[in-house]
Amino acid sequence: MLKSDVQLDTLGYFCPMPIIMTSKKIKELTLGQVLEVVSDDEGIKKDMPAWCQTTGHEMVGLEEETKDDSRIYKAFVKKSK
């Protein structure tokens, strides 16, 4: 289980909203803090690593779980710049 400093709930939002919300939220963090982005959009599995590569932040992990017959994705992003 990965640990985060801040959690961002993007449940119910679909591409590109989780990435836009992540982009805004990560600006509030200090260097080295980890943001946990909770999403039910499967696209986050590809979108978040691509966004991290583009922006220079570090994708530290992705967890998947099933909750009430739906998939929940938790992407962990470390502020790296």
Protein backbone atom coordinates (compact mmCIF):
# COMPACT_ATOMS: atom_id res chain seq x y z
CA MET A 1 0.00 0.00 0.00
CA LEU A 2 1.47 3.30 -1.12
CA LYS A 3 1.35 6.39 1.07
CA SER A 4 0.39 9.88 0.00
CA ASP A 5 0.50 13.34 1.53
CA VAL A 6 -2.61 14.64 -0.24
CA GLN A 7 -5.59 12.90 -1.86
CA LEU A 8 -7.49 14.17 -4.90
CA ASP A 9 -10.93 12.70 -5.60
CA THR A 10 -11.72 12.65 -9.32
CA LEU A 11 -14.46 10.01 -9.14
CA GLY A 12 -17.13 10.57 -11.78
CA TYR A 13 -14.81 12.64 -13.96
CA PHE A 14 -13.46 11.35 -17.25
CA CYS A 15 -10.56 12.26 -19.50
CA PRO A 16 -9.20 14.87 -19.56
CA MET A 17 -10.65 16.15 -16.25
CA PRO A 18 -8.62 13.94 -13.84
CA ILE A 19 -5.39 15.15 -15.48
CA ILE A 20 -6.51 18.80 -15.46
CA MET A 21 -7.47 18.49 -11.78
CA THR A 22 -4.12 16.81 -11.01
CA SER A 23 -2.25 19.58 -12.82
CA LYS A 24 -3.93 22.24 -10.65
CA LYS A 25 -3.61 20.32 -7.38
CA ILE A 26 0.08 19.41 -7.74
CA LYS A 27 0.94 23.13 -7.86
CA GLU A 28 -0.24 23.38 -4.23
CA LEU A 29 2.19 20.69 -3.05
CA THR A 30 5.78 21.13 -1.98
CA LEU A 31 8.67 19.35 -3.66
CA GLY A 32 8.75 15.64 -2.79
CA GLN A 33 5.15 15.39 -1.62
CA VAL A 34 3.02 12.59 -3.07
CA LEU A 35 -0.45 13.20 -4.53
CA GLU A 36 -2.90 10.28 -4.61
CA VAL A 37 -5.38 10.68 -7.46
CA VAL A 38 -8.49 8.52 -6.99
CA SER A 39 -10.39 7.87 -10.22
CA ASP A 40 -12.93 5.52 -11.79
CA ASP A 41 -11.73 6.37 -15.31
CA GLU A 42 -9.66 3.48 -16.66
CA GLY A 43 -7.92 5.95 -18.99
CA ILE A 44 -5.89 7.17 -16.03
CA LYS A 45 -3.69 4.06 -16.34
CA LYS A 46 -2.24 5.48 -19.57
CA ASP A 47 -2.93 9.18 -19.11
CA MET A 48 -1.19 9.68 -15.76
CA PRO A 49 2.19 8.13 -16.72
CA ALA A 50 2.12 10.13 -19.98
CA TRP A 51 1.32 13.35 -18.08
CA CYS A 52 4.13 12.66 -15.60
CA GLN A 53 6.60 12.09 -18.44
CA THR A 54 5.54 15.37 -20.06
CA THR A 55 5.60 17.47 -16.88
CA GLY A 56 8.63 15.97 -15.12
CA HIS A 57 6.76 14.65 -12.09
CA GLU A 58 7.33 11.07 -10.92
CA MET A 59 4.68 8.37 -11.15
CA VAL A 60 5.41 6.27 -8.07
CA GLY A 61 2.65 3.74 -8.44
CA LEU A 62 -0.86 2.73 -9.44
CA GLU A 63 -3.27 0.62 -7.42
CA GLU A 64 -6.54 -0.90 -8.63
CA GLU A 65 -9.39 -2.11 -6.49
CA THR A 66 -12.98 -3.20 -7.00
CA LYS A 67 -15.60 -1.34 -5.00
CA ASP A 68 -19.33 -1.99 -5.44
CA ASP A 69 -18.82 -3.68 -8.83
CA SER A 70 -16.77 -0.79 -10.20
CA ARG A 71 -13.03 -0.35 -10.59
CA ILE A 72 -11.25 2.33 -8.61
CA TYR A 73 -7.77 3.48 -9.67
CA LYS A 74 -5.33 5.22 -7.39
CA ALA A 75 -2.41 6.94 -9.09
CA PHE A 76 0.45 8.18 -6.93
CA VAL A 77 2.42 11.14 -8.25
CA LYS A 78 5.45 12.69 -6.58
CA LYS A 79 6.02 16.39 -7.15
CA SER A 80 9.47 16.50 -8.70
CA LYS A 81 9.85 20.12 -9.83
